[in-house]
Amino acid sequence: MAGTPPRLTETPPFAMDALSDVLRVMRLSGGVFLNAEFTAPWCLRVSIAPNSCAPYLGRNAYLVAYHFVLEGHMRVRMPDGEELDAEAGQSVLFPHNDPHLLGSDLALTPVDGDRVVHVPADGGLSRIVLGGGGARTRIVCGFLGAEDVRGNPVVAALPAALRLDVRNDVSADWVRNTFCYAAEEIAAGRPGSAAMMAKLSEILLVEAIRRYAETLTDEQTGWLAALRDPYLARAVARLHADVAASWTVDALARRVGLSRSALAERFTRVLGMPPMQYLAQWRMHVAAQELRASGKSIAQIAEEVGYESEASFTRAFKRALGMPPAAWRRQRETG
């Protein structure tokens, strides 16, 4: 499995810069946790709790689950009744980790996934074998995890399920073969396979988000809709690229080639808030992640997110999150 994974699609760099930054701040980790083989007819109820992935992922409050179909066909039903089909070379991702049904026939009484998962005693890859002996479907189930995503603009903009189809891409064979290879490597306990799957899982999520954003219409709003607007995409990318800068709406408008009023109107209409309010919220999100994941001092973090003093940062943080940053950090360390 040597070589660099191909890019699945081309996206304007300024839009991807902002998306990459949001995902970077989430500090995603993940990989494969289950290999499943089904024979028709079959129906499975899937509800993945964070502690189910703890042996692979550690403690994470937020999960994105996904199923990649290696062979055969499956149907998916969400709690609201939405149904999707997926065939070999397609994957379905669940950005909010909603419970769902999988099966060849969703009219069957579903089997609870927890009841049929076989966890090897040696800690290798978990496995499900289920069904009535008919047509075969093989899937790899995986995850991405993060400790906390409150305030993350991408997560808030995603639907309950995303389907990604790479069957007609130049990368299709690479993706499918990598999933097969990684599942075998994890099952065998070989080092390095988990890191490879974490990266592949992130690639799948980014690509699914890109393609979902491309389906949005000009009338839709939200963070992902902003990536379709070249001016807003550049504005968001500028703010993310230099979060500590002393931005004003005038300065931002000049950088993206719009008037101050036009940028403010467009930003508020699509993103639901003025540019400087968005920047203030994003600064708090970055600061919260740094408080949780780094040993930096509060003064260092304050400077990195654009505050001239620790006192002004502390006031802003308390307004946004309900407690001072030192108390917020202690709560996360003891929680």
Protein backbone atom coordinates (compact mmCIF):
# COMPACT_ATOMS: atom_id res chain seq x y z
CA MET A 1 0.00 0.00 0.00
CA ALA A 2 2.85 2.38 -0.76
CA GLY A 3 2.42 5.75 -2.36
CA THR A 4 0.45 8.91 -1.71
CA PRO A 5 -3.34 8.66 -1.73
CA PRO A 6 -4.89 10.48 -4.70
CA ARG A 7 -7.09 13.49 -4.25
CA LEU A 8 -10.66 12.43 -4.90
CA THR A 9 -11.91 15.74 -6.33
CA GLU A 10 -10.66 19.23 -6.99
CA THR A 11 -11.94 22.03 -4.76
CA PRO A 12 -10.94 25.73 -4.74
CA PRO A 13 -7.92 26.01 -2.41
CA PHE A 14 -9.32 28.90 -0.38
CA ALA A 15 -12.47 26.89 0.45
CA MET A 16 -10.46 23.81 1.40
CA ASP A 17 -8.14 25.88 3.59
CA ALA A 18 -11.06 26.88 5.82
CA LEU A 19 -12.55 23.39 5.85
CA SER A 20 -9.18 21.87 6.70
CA ASP A 21 -8.75 24.36 9.53
CA VAL A 22 -12.12 23.49 11.07
CA LEU A 23 -11.30 19.77 10.92
CA ARG A 24 -7.81 20.40 12.30
CA VAL A 25 -9.22 22.16 15.34
CA MET A 26 -11.57 19.20 15.92
CA ARG A 27 -8.45 17.00 16.38
CA LEU A 28 -10.07 14.02 14.71
CA SER A 29 -8.81 10.50 15.21
CA GLY A 30 -10.22 7.24 14.00
CA GLY A 31 -9.95 4.03 12.08
CA VAL A 32 -11.61 0.69 11.44
CA PHE A 33 -13.30 -1.07 14.34
CA LEU A 34 -15.42 -3.79 12.74
CA ASN A 35 -15.45 -6.11 9.73
CA ALA A 36 -18.88 -7.52 8.81
CA GLU A 37 -20.16 -10.20 6.46
CA PHE A 38 -23.88 -10.59 5.79
CA THR A 39 -25.93 -12.95 3.65
CA ALA A 40 -29.48 -12.17 2.57
CA PRO A 41 -31.89 -11.76 4.16
CA TRP A 42 -30.55 -9.69 7.04
CA CYS A 43 -31.36 -6.59 9.07
CA LEU A 44 -29.20 -5.01 11.79
CA ARG A 45 -29.89 -2.23 14.29
CA VAL A 46 -26.77 -0.09 14.75
CA SER A 47 -26.21 2.21 17.71
CA ILE A 48 -22.57 2.99 18.40
CA ALA A 49 -21.78 4.40 21.84
CA PRO A 50 -18.48 6.24 22.35
CA ASN A 51 -17.34 3.62 24.88
CA SER A 52 -17.71 0.92 22.19
CA CYS A 53 -14.80 2.54 20.36
CA ALA A 54 -12.76 3.32 23.47
CA PRO A 55 -10.27 0.46 22.90
CA TYR A 56 -9.40 1.98 19.52
CA LEU A 57 -10.00 5.67 20.14
CA GLY A 58 -9.73 6.50 23.84
CA ARG A 59 -12.24 8.81 25.47
CA ASN A 60 -14.18 10.84 22.90
CA ALA A 61 -17.60 12.39 23.34
CA TYR A 62 -18.27 12.82 19.63
CA LEU A 63 -18.25 10.14 16.94
CA VAL A 64 -18.74 10.08 13.19
CA ALA A 65 -19.56 6.51 12.19
CA TYR A 66 -19.31 5.18 8.64
CA HIS A 67 -19.83 1.97 6.68
CA PHE A 68 -17.82 1.25 3.53
CA VAL A 69 -19.28 -1.46 1.26
CA LEU A 70 -16.61 -3.80 -0.07
CA GLU A 71 -18.99 -6.22 -1.77
CA GLY A 72 -22.73 -6.51 -2.37
CA HIS A 73 -25.51 -4.08 -1.45
CA MET A 74 -27.23 -2.69 1.63
CA ARG A 75 -30.06 -0.35 2.54
CA VAL A 76 -29.91 2.20 5.34
CA ARG A 77 -32.83 3.69 7.25
CA MET A 78 -32.49 6.71 9.54
CA PRO A 79 -34.73 7.44 12.58
CA ASP A 80 -36.74 10.00 10.55
CA GLY A 81 -37.52 7.38 7.89
CA GLU A 82 -34.98 8.54 5.30
CA GLU A 83 -33.57 5.58 3.34
CA LEU A 84 -30.40 5.24 1.29
CA ASP A 85 -28.89 2.49 -0.85
CA ALA A 86 -25.18 1.69 -0.92
CA GLU A 87 -23.28 -0.72 -3.15
CA ALA A 88 -19.66 -1.85 -3.44
CA GLY A 89 -17.43 1.22 -3.65
CA GLN A 90 -19.90 3.43 -1.76
CA SER A 91 -19.87 4.50 1.86
CA VAL A 92 -22.46 6.05 4.17
CA LEU A 93 -21.27 8.40 6.91
CA PHE A 94 -23.26 9.47 9.96
CA PRO A 95 -21.95 12.89 11.07
CA HIS A 96 -24.04 12.94 14.27
CA ASN A 97 -23.72 9.22 15.01
CA ASP A 98 -27.48 8.70 14.81
CA PRO A 99 -28.76 5.13 15.35
CA HIS A 100 -29.83 3.46 12.10
CA LEU A 101 -30.87 0.22 10.43
CA LEU A 102 -28.77 -1.67 7.88
CA GLY A 103 -30.04 -4.59 5.85
CA SER A 104 -30.96 -6.36 2.67
CA ASP A 105 -34.60 -6.19 3.81
CA LEU A 106 -35.50 -3.47 6.31
CA ALA A 107 -38.97 -4.99 6.83
CA LEU A 108 -37.34 -7.78 8.87
CA THR A 109 -37.17 -7.58 12.64
CA PRO A 110 -33.72 -6.09 13.20
CA VAL A 111 -31.02 -7.80 15.25
CA ASP A 112 -29.21 -5.56 17.75
CA GLY A 113 -25.64 -5.08 16.62
CA ASP A 114 -24.24 -5.46 20.13
CA ARG A 115 -25.69 -8.98 20.33
CA VAL A 116 -23.85 -10.33 17.28
CA VAL A 117 -20.48 -8.58 17.48
CA HIS A 118 -17.63 -11.00 18.09
CA VAL A 119 -14.72 -9.31 19.90
CA PRO A 120 -11.52 -11.39 19.66
CA ALA A 121 -9.84 -12.20 22.96
CA ASP A 122 -6.51 -10.95 21.58
CA GLY A 123 -7.95 -7.48 20.92
CA GLY A 124 -7.95 -7.79 17.12
CA LEU A 125 -10.60 -6.55 14.74
CA SER A 126 -14.20 -7.16 15.86
CA ARG A 127 -16.43 -9.06 13.47
CA ILE A 128 -20.08 -9.69 12.61
CA VAL A 129 -21.37 -12.66 10.59
CA LEU A 130 -25.13 -12.63 10.08
CA GLY A 131 -27.81 -13.66 7.61
CA GLY A 132 -29.83 -16.33 5.90
CA GLY A 133 -27.30 -17.72 3.43
CA GLY A 134 -28.26 -15.74 0.31
CA ALA A 135 -26.43 -12.97 -1.57
CA ARG A 136 -23.33 -11.79 0.28
CA THR A 137 -22.54 -8.25 1.45
CA ARG A 138 -19.25 -7.31 3.09
CA ILE A 139 -18.70 -3.98 4.83
CA VAL A 140 -16.04 -2.32 6.93
CA CYS A 141 -17.32 -0.12 9.75
CA GLY A 142 -15.20 2.71 11.03
CA PHE A 143 -15.27 5.93 12.97
CA LEU A 144 -13.81 9.35 13.52
CA GLY A 145 -13.83 10.79 16.99
CA ALA A 146 -13.29 14.12 18.73
CA GLU A 147 -13.48 15.13 22.37
CA ASP A 148 -15.94 17.97 21.84
CA VAL A 149 -17.44 19.72 18.81
CA ARG A 150 -19.71 22.30 20.41
CA GLY A 151 -19.60 25.44 18.31
CA ASN A 152 -17.99 23.69 15.35
CA PRO A 153 -19.58 25.26 12.24
CA VAL A 154 -19.08 22.25 9.94
CA VAL A 155 -20.68 19.75 12.30
CA ALA A 156 -23.71 21.98 12.76
CA ALA A 157 -24.18 22.21 8.98
CA LEU A 158 -24.14 18.48 8.21
CA PRO A 159 -27.20 16.25 7.67
CA ALA A 160 -27.84 12.99 9.52
CA ALA A 161 -26.37 10.82 6.72
CA LEU A 162 -23.93 11.42 3.86
CA ARG A 163 -23.40 8.97 1.03
CA LEU A 164 -20.05 8.99 -0.76
CA ASP A 165 -19.63 7.23 -4.11
CA VAL A 166 -16.08 6.70 -5.36
CA ARG A 167 -16.90 3.96 -7.87
CA ASN A 168 -16.20 6.12 -10.90
CA ASP A 169 -13.18 7.96 -9.49
CA VAL A 170 -9.58 7.19 -10.33
CA SER A 171 -9.15 6.59 -6.60
CA ALA A 172 -11.84 3.88 -6.37
CA ASP A 173 -9.51 0.88 -6.43
CA TRP A 174 -7.07 2.59 -4.06
CA VAL A 175 -9.80 3.32 -1.48
CA ARG A 176 -11.35 -0.15 -1.67
CA ASN A 177 -8.00 -1.95 -1.54
CA THR A 178 -6.77 0.20 1.33
CA PHE A 179 -9.85 -0.62 3.41
CA CYS A 180 -9.35 -4.34 2.78
CA TYR A 181 -5.65 -4.13 3.52
CA ALA A 182 -6.07 -2.08 6.69
CA ALA A 183 -8.77 -4.36 8.06
CA GLU A 184 -6.46 -7.33 7.59
CA GLU A 185 -3.52 -5.47 9.16
CA ILE A 186 -5.56 -4.39 12.21
CA ALA A 187 -6.93 -7.92 12.62
CA ALA A 188 -3.37 -9.23 12.59
CA GLY A 189 -2.25 -6.62 15.14
CA ARG A 190 0.44 -5.16 12.88
CA PRO A 191 1.77 -1.70 13.83
CA GLY A 192 0.98 1.34 11.69
CA SER A 193 -2.35 0.15 10.34
CA ALA A 194 -4.42 2.21 12.78
CA ALA A 195 -2.64 5.42 11.77
CA MET A 196 -3.27 4.65 8.11
CA MET A 197 -6.96 4.08 8.74
CA ALA A 198 -7.26 7.29 10.74
CA LYS A 199 -5.99 9.22 7.74
CA LEU A 200 -8.21 7.35 5.28
CA SER A 201 -11.22 7.93 7.52
CA GLU A 202 -10.51 11.65 7.52
CA ILE A 203 -10.11 11.65 3.74
CA LEU A 204 -13.53 10.02 3.39
CA LEU A 205 -15.16 12.58 5.68
CA VAL A 206 -13.57 15.55 3.92
CA GLU A 207 -14.59 14.22 0.52
CA ALA A 208 -18.15 13.51 1.65
CA ILE A 209 -18.41 17.06 3.02
CA ARG A 210 -17.03 18.53 -0.21
CA ARG A 211 -19.51 16.68 -2.34
CA TYR A 212 -22.41 17.51 -0.05
CA ALA A 213 -21.47 21.20 -0.24
CA GLU A 214 -21.54 20.98 -4.03
CA THR A 215 -25.18 19.86 -3.92
CA LEU A 216 -26.33 22.93 -1.97
CA THR A 217 -28.35 25.53 -3.89
CA ASP A 218 -27.77 29.26 -3.96
CA GLU A 219 -30.80 29.73 -1.71
CA GLN A 220 -29.41 27.60 1.11
CA THR A 221 -27.52 29.08 4.02
CA GLY A 222 -24.96 27.94 6.57
CA TRP A 223 -21.22 27.42 6.80
CA LEU A 224 -20.96 24.91 3.97
CA ALA A 225 -23.15 27.04 1.71
CA ALA A 226 -20.62 29.84 2.23
CA LEU A 227 -17.93 27.68 0.58
CA ARG A 228 -19.90 27.92 -2.68
CA ASP A 229 -19.64 31.71 -2.67
CA PRO A 230 -16.12 32.73 -3.78
CA TYR A 231 -16.20 35.96 -1.75
CA LEU A 232 -17.42 34.33 1.44
CA ALA A 233 -15.10 31.38 1.00
CA ARG A 234 -12.15 33.76 0.71
CA ALA A 235 -13.34 35.81 3.69
CA VAL A 236 -13.74 32.77 5.94
CA ALA A 237 -10.39 31.40 4.77
CA ARG A 238 -8.68 34.73 5.58
CA LEU A 239 -10.12 34.78 9.09
CA HIS A 240 -9.09 31.19 9.72
CA ALA A 241 -5.62 31.69 8.28
CA ASP A 242 -4.84 34.55 10.70
CA VAL A 243 -7.22 34.28 13.62
CA ALA A 244 -5.04 36.55 15.80
CA ALA A 245 -4.99 39.49 13.39
CA SER A 246 -6.73 42.76 14.31
CA TRP A 247 -9.43 42.29 11.69
CA THR A 248 -12.05 44.86 10.79
CA VAL A 249 -14.86 44.45 8.28
CA ASP A 250 -13.20 47.10 6.11
CA ALA A 251 -9.87 45.26 6.06
CA LEU A 252 -11.53 41.92 5.33
CA ALA A 253 -13.66 43.40 2.55
CA ARG A 254 -10.57 44.85 0.86
CA ARG A 255 -8.83 41.46 0.99
CA VAL A 256 -11.70 39.68 -0.77
CA GLY A 257 -12.64 42.40 -3.28
CA LEU A 258 -16.03 43.53 -1.97
CA SER A 259 -17.34 46.71 -0.41
CA ARG A 260 -17.76 46.75 3.36
CA SER A 261 -21.55 46.81 3.13
CA ALA A 262 -21.73 44.07 0.50
CA LEU A 263 -19.53 41.73 2.53
CA ALA A 264 -21.43 42.40 5.76
CA GLU A 265 -24.79 41.79 4.06
CA ARG A 266 -23.66 38.62 2.31
CA PHE A 267 -21.94 37.25 5.39
CA THR A 268 -24.97 37.83 7.62
CA ARG A 269 -27.43 36.42 5.08
CA VAL A 270 -25.54 33.16 4.48
CA LEU A 271 -23.75 32.57 7.79
CA GLY A 272 -26.38 34.10 10.07
CA MET A 273 -24.06 36.62 11.77
CA PRO A 274 -21.73 39.53 10.91
CA PRO A 275 -18.07 38.78 10.12
CA MET A 276 -16.65 40.00 13.43
CA GLN A 277 -19.17 37.98 15.44
CA TYR A 278 -18.16 34.89 13.46
CA LEU A 279 -14.50 35.65 14.18
CA ALA A 280 -15.19 36.06 17.91
CA GLN A 281 -16.99 32.70 18.03
CA TRP A 282 -14.25 30.93 16.10
CA ARG A 283 -11.59 32.39 18.39
CA MET A 284 -13.40 30.91 21.40
CA HIS A 285 -13.67 27.54 19.68
CA VAL A 286 -9.93 27.51 18.90
CA ALA A 287 -9.13 28.64 22.45
CA ALA A 288 -11.30 25.91 23.98
CA GLN A 289 -9.54 23.24 21.94
CA GLU A 290 -6.13 24.58 22.94
CA LEU A 291 -7.12 24.65 26.61
CA ARG A 292 -8.23 21.04 26.37
CA ALA A 293 -5.45 19.60 24.25
CA SER A 294 -2.32 21.61 25.02
CA GLY A 295 -0.30 22.62 28.04
CA LYS A 296 -0.03 26.22 26.93
CA SER A 297 -0.64 28.95 29.45
CA ILE A 298 -3.82 30.99 29.29
CA ALA A 299 -1.75 34.03 28.39
CA GLN A 300 -0.20 32.17 25.43
CA ILE A 301 -3.59 31.01 24.18
CA ALA A 302 -5.02 34.51 24.58
CA GLU A 303 -2.28 35.93 22.37
CA GLU A 304 -2.66 33.17 19.78
CA VAL A 305 -6.36 33.91 19.29
CA GLY A 306 -5.98 37.68 19.05
CA TYR A 307 -6.37 39.12 22.56
CA GLU A 308 -3.94 41.76 23.81
CA SER A 309 -4.28 40.73 27.45
CA GLU A 310 -5.17 37.66 29.46
CA ALA A 311 -7.81 39.69 31.29
CA SER A 312 -9.70 40.65 28.12
CA PHE A 313 -9.52 37.07 26.87
CA THR A 314 -10.82 35.75 30.20
CA ARG A 315 -13.81 38.11 30.07
CA ALA A 316 -14.63 37.12 26.49
CA PHE A 317 -14.25 33.40 27.24
CA LYS A 318 -16.51 33.62 30.29
CA ARG A 319 -19.21 35.42 28.26
CA ALA A 320 -19.05 32.73 25.57
CA LEU A 321 -18.69 29.54 27.64
CA GLY A 322 -20.05 30.50 31.03
CA MET A 323 -16.86 30.22 33.10
CA PRO A 324 -13.28 31.53 33.06
CA PRO A 325 -10.77 29.58 30.96
CA ALA A 326 -8.84 28.26 33.98
CA ALA A 327 -11.99 26.81 35.52
CA TRP A 328 -13.11 25.42 32.15
CA ARG A 329 -9.76 23.67 31.72
CA ARG A 330 -9.88 22.17 35.23
CA GLN A 331 -13.40 20.90 34.66
CA ARG A 332 -12.32 19.08 31.47
CA GLU A 333 -9.26 17.61 33.18
CA THR A 334 -11.29 16.17 36.06
CA GLY A 335 -14.35 15.22 33.96
